[in-house]
């Protein structure tokens, strides 16, 4: 599966400068990307991956925000040893979780999807 909704750099940025270099390796990142995109598609019950090219830029940015946040959470959770404290890692998890849940709401709620579709 290709990197459709976000780049590895977006995920790495949201995981922070103290993220594990081992976890940031290509194979892990590809897996996190695939899992995050599948999660977004399933949570919203819309296959955004298949429809991506036809989406407007606003929707693409929301998807990038959601997928990179979900991926960053997986990076952080995989190895917290590089963070200055567990509180730092937990705060980053909390912020990314909020970004993810807000994006899922926007991408799922009928009043927002009507706006997205221009109805």
Protein backbone atom coordinates (compact mmCIF):
# COMPACT_ATOMS: atom_id res chain seq x y z
CA UNK A 1 0.00 0.00 0.00
CA UNK A 2 1.33 3.43 -0.91
CA UNK A 3 1.60 6.48 1.29
CA UNK A 4 -1.62 8.15 0.15
CA UNK A 5 -2.87 10.43 2.91
CA UNK A 6 0.34 11.62 4.57
CA UNK A 7 4.11 11.45 4.40
CA UNK A 8 6.45 9.69 6.77
CA UNK A 9 7.81 13.12 7.66
CA UNK A 10 4.41 14.26 8.92
CA UNK A 11 4.20 11.22 11.19
CA UNK A 12 7.75 11.68 12.44
CA UNK A 13 7.13 15.36 13.18
CA UNK A 14 4.08 14.59 15.31
CA UNK A 15 5.97 11.85 17.16
CA UNK A 16 8.52 14.47 18.21
CA UNK A 17 12.27 14.86 18.20
CA UNK A 18 12.73 12.19 20.87
CA UNK A 19 11.05 9.40 18.92
CA UNK A 20 13.00 6.16 18.64
CA UNK A 21 15.16 5.97 15.52
CA UNK A 22 14.61 2.20 15.48
CA UNK A 23 10.86 2.67 15.32
CA UNK A 24 11.25 5.31 12.61
CA UNK A 25 12.74 2.71 10.26
CA UNK A 26 11.03 2.17 6.90
CA UNK A 27 9.29 -1.13 7.63
CA UNK A 28 7.68 0.08 10.85
CA UNK A 29 6.60 3.36 9.31
CA UNK A 30 5.02 1.66 6.29
CA UNK A 31 3.06 -0.62 8.59
CA UNK A 32 1.93 2.29 10.77
CA UNK A 33 0.82 4.20 7.67
CA UNK A 34 -1.21 1.26 6.36
CA UNK A 35 -2.83 0.69 9.75
CA UNK A 36 -3.64 4.38 10.20
CA UNK A 37 -5.20 4.76 6.74
CA UNK A 38 -7.25 1.60 7.22
CA UNK A 39 -8.37 2.84 10.64
CA UNK A 40 -9.54 6.18 9.22
CA UNK A 41 -11.40 4.47 6.37
CA UNK A 42 -13.11 2.04 8.73
CA UNK A 43 -13.88 4.57 11.47
CA UNK A 44 -15.51 6.94 8.98
CA UNK A 45 -17.05 4.16 6.85
CA UNK A 46 -15.71 5.95 3.77
CA UNK A 47 -12.81 4.59 1.73
CA UNK A 48 -10.86 7.81 1.43
CA UNK A 49 -7.83 5.94 0.11
CA UNK A 50 -9.62 4.91 -3.07
CA UNK A 51 -11.30 8.31 -3.50
CA UNK A 52 -8.24 10.38 -2.54
CA UNK A 53 -7.43 11.87 -5.95
CA UNK A 54 -10.95 13.29 -6.30
CA UNK A 55 -11.04 14.93 -2.85
CA UNK A 56 -10.63 18.66 -2.34
CA UNK A 57 -7.57 20.04 -0.57
CA UNK A 58 -9.43 20.73 2.69
CA UNK A 59 -10.41 17.08 3.06
CA UNK A 60 -6.90 15.95 2.13
CA UNK A 61 -5.42 18.13 4.89
CA UNK A 62 -7.85 16.72 7.46
CA UNK A 63 -6.91 13.20 6.36
CA UNK A 64 -3.21 14.06 6.59
CA UNK A 65 -3.75 15.40 10.09
CA UNK A 66 -5.65 12.27 11.18
CA UNK A 67 -3.33 9.69 9.63
CA UNK A 68 -0.16 11.40 10.84
CA UNK A 69 -1.61 11.70 14.37
CA UNK A 70 -2.61 8.01 14.45
CA UNK A 71 0.79 7.01 13.09
CA UNK A 72 2.60 9.23 15.59
CA UNK A 73 0.71 7.57 18.42
CA UNK A 74 1.92 4.17 17.22
CA UNK A 75 5.51 5.46 16.99
CA UNK A 76 5.41 6.91 20.50
CA UNK A 77 3.73 3.85 21.97
CA UNK A 78 6.24 1.47 20.40
CA UNK A 79 9.18 2.91 22.36
CA UNK A 80 8.90 5.68 24.95
CA UNK A 81 12.47 5.34 26.20
CA UNK A 82 13.80 8.37 24.27
CA UNK A 83 11.37 10.88 25.70
CA UNK A 84 12.50 13.04 28.61
CA UNK A 85 9.74 11.55 30.77
CA UNK A 86 6.66 9.39 30.56
CA UNK A 87 4.67 12.59 31.05
CA UNK A 88 6.19 14.03 27.86
CA UNK A 89 5.28 10.91 25.89
CA UNK A 90 1.79 10.83 27.42
CA UNK A 91 1.17 14.47 26.58
CA UNK A 92 2.17 13.83 22.97
CA UNK A 93 -0.14 10.80 22.88
CA UNK A 94 -2.97 12.91 24.31
CA UNK A 95 -2.50 15.73 21.79
CA UNK A 96 -2.36 13.31 18.85
CA UNK A 97 -5.43 11.47 20.17
CA UNK A 98 -7.38 14.72 20.29
CA UNK A 99 -6.34 15.57 16.73
CA UNK A 100 -7.39 12.10 15.59
CA UNK A 101 -10.79 12.11 17.28
CA UNK A 102 -11.58 15.63 16.07
CA UNK A 103 -10.71 14.62 12.51
CA UNK A 104 -12.81 11.44 12.70
CA UNK A 105 -15.75 13.56 13.83
CA UNK A 106 -15.33 15.96 10.92
CA UNK A 107 -14.98 13.14 8.41
CA UNK A 108 -17.94 11.14 9.79
CA UNK A 109 -20.65 13.60 10.83
CA UNK A 110 -23.32 14.13 8.16
CA UNK A 111 -23.39 17.92 8.59
CA UNK A 112 -19.64 18.05 7.87
CA UNK A 113 -19.65 15.50 5.06
CA UNK A 114 -22.47 17.45 3.36
CA UNK A 115 -20.25 20.53 3.52
CA UNK A 116 -17.26 18.56 2.22
CA UNK A 117 -19.31 17.22 -0.70
CA UNK A 118 -20.73 20.68 -1.42
CA UNK A 119 -24.34 19.70 -0.72
